Protein backbone atom coordinates (compact mmCIF):
# COMPACT_ATOMS: atom_id res chain seq x y z
CA MET A 1 0.02 0.06 -0.05
CA LEU A 2 1.20 3.46 -1.02
CA PHE A 3 1.06 6.44 1.28
CA ILE A 4 1.59 9.88 0.03
CA PHE A 5 2.24 12.15 3.29
CA GLY A 6 4.20 15.41 3.70
CA SER A 7 4.05 18.79 5.41
CA THR A 8 3.15 22.15 4.27
CA HIS A 9 3.46 25.87 5.47
CA ARG A 10 0.52 28.22 5.30
CA ASP A 11 0.85 31.93 6.02
CA ARG A 12 -1.95 33.95 7.37
CA VAL A 13 -2.12 37.63 7.92
CA LEU A 14 -3.46 38.32 11.24
CA ALA A 15 -3.16 42.26 11.28
CA ASP A 16 -1.95 45.28 9.91
CA VAL A 17 0.02 47.54 12.21
CA HIS A 18 1.94 50.90 11.83
CA PHE A 19 4.75 51.54 13.84
CA VAL A 20 8.62 52.03 13.59
CA CYS A 21 10.63 49.12 12.12
CA GLU A 22 13.70 48.18 14.17
CA HIS A 23 15.82 47.36 11.05
CA CYS A 24 15.10 50.25 8.86
CA GLY A 25 14.03 52.68 11.21
CA VAL A 26 11.11 53.93 9.07
CA ALA A 27 7.52 54.22 10.49
CA ALA A 28 5.79 51.95 8.05
CA PRO A 29 2.95 49.59 7.67
CA GLN A 30 3.80 46.13 9.10
CA GLN A 31 1.83 42.79 8.92
CA ILE A 32 1.68 40.41 11.99
CA ILE A 33 1.90 36.70 10.06
CA GLU A 34 1.10 33.40 11.39
CA THR A 35 2.87 30.43 9.73
CA ALA A 36 1.31 27.03 10.48
CA THR A 37 3.15 23.68 9.57
CA LYS A 38 0.62 21.09 8.66
CA LEU A 39 0.79 17.33 8.29
CA SER A 40 -0.71 16.10 4.85
CA LEU A 41 -1.86 12.72 3.85
CA PHE A 42 -2.73 12.48 -0.05
CA PHE A 43 -2.36 16.33 -0.24
CA VAL A 44 -4.89 17.08 2.43
CA PRO A 45 -3.96 19.07 5.50
CA LEU A 46 -4.71 16.77 8.63
CA VAL A 47 -2.98 17.93 11.78
CA THR A 48 -1.33 21.11 12.81
CA LEU A 49 2.16 20.61 13.86
CA GLY A 50 3.14 24.02 15.08
CA ARG A 51 2.79 27.79 14.61
CA LYS A 52 5.19 30.40 14.20
CA HIS A 53 4.44 34.12 14.38
CA ALA A 54 6.46 37.34 12.74
CA VAL A 55 6.07 40.80 11.75
CA VAL A 56 6.98 41.97 8.43
CA CYS A 57 8.00 45.34 7.49
CA ALA A 58 6.41 46.83 4.12
CA ASN A 59 9.21 49.27 3.55
CA CYS A 60 12.27 46.87 3.66
CA GLY A 61 10.79 43.40 3.88
CA ALA A 62 12.63 42.44 7.00
CA ALA A 63 10.89 39.80 9.33
CA THR A 64 11.31 39.78 13.11
CA VAL A 65 10.33 36.55 14.92
CA LEU A 66 7.58 36.95 17.31
CA THR A 67 6.43 34.72 20.52
CA ARG A 68 2.88 34.12 20.55
CA ASP A 69 2.31 36.35 23.53
CA GLN A 70 4.04 39.15 21.46
CA ALA A 71 1.68 38.57 18.44
CA GLU A 72 -1.14 38.53 20.59
CA HIS A 73 -0.20 41.84 22.12
CA GLY A 74 0.19 43.18 18.49
CA LEU A 75 -3.41 42.07 17.73
CA GLN A 76 -4.97 43.79 21.01
CA TRP A 77 -2.77 46.90 20.03
CA ALA A 78 -4.30 46.98 16.55
CA GLU A 79 -7.82 46.35 17.64
CA ARG A 80 -7.70 49.19 20.26
CA ASN A 81 -6.31 51.60 17.56
CA ARG A 82 -8.82 50.69 14.87
CA ARG A 83 -11.47 51.60 17.46
CA MET A 84 -10.07 55.10 18.16
CA VAL A 85 -10.07 55.82 14.37
C-alpha cells in the first residue's frame, strides 16, 4: 500500500499595524503573520504540527520572529487603535 504524506506551510495575515521598524527605522505599515506547519496525507492537511509568528515590514521586507504572547499583544494593540480611528 502506498501512502503519500508530507508537510506544508500556510501563511495567514493576522493584522496590519503601523509602527517604526527596528531594522530600517522607518515608520511603515507592518503585517503580523502566522505560519502554520501542517501534516498532509494524500495532499489533504490533517494536523497542525506547529505555529510561528513574525512581523514583516512593508518598507524593507525584514521579518522579526515573535513569540505567541507578542503576537497576541500586537493584535490587541491593533484592535484598540482601530476603534480609536
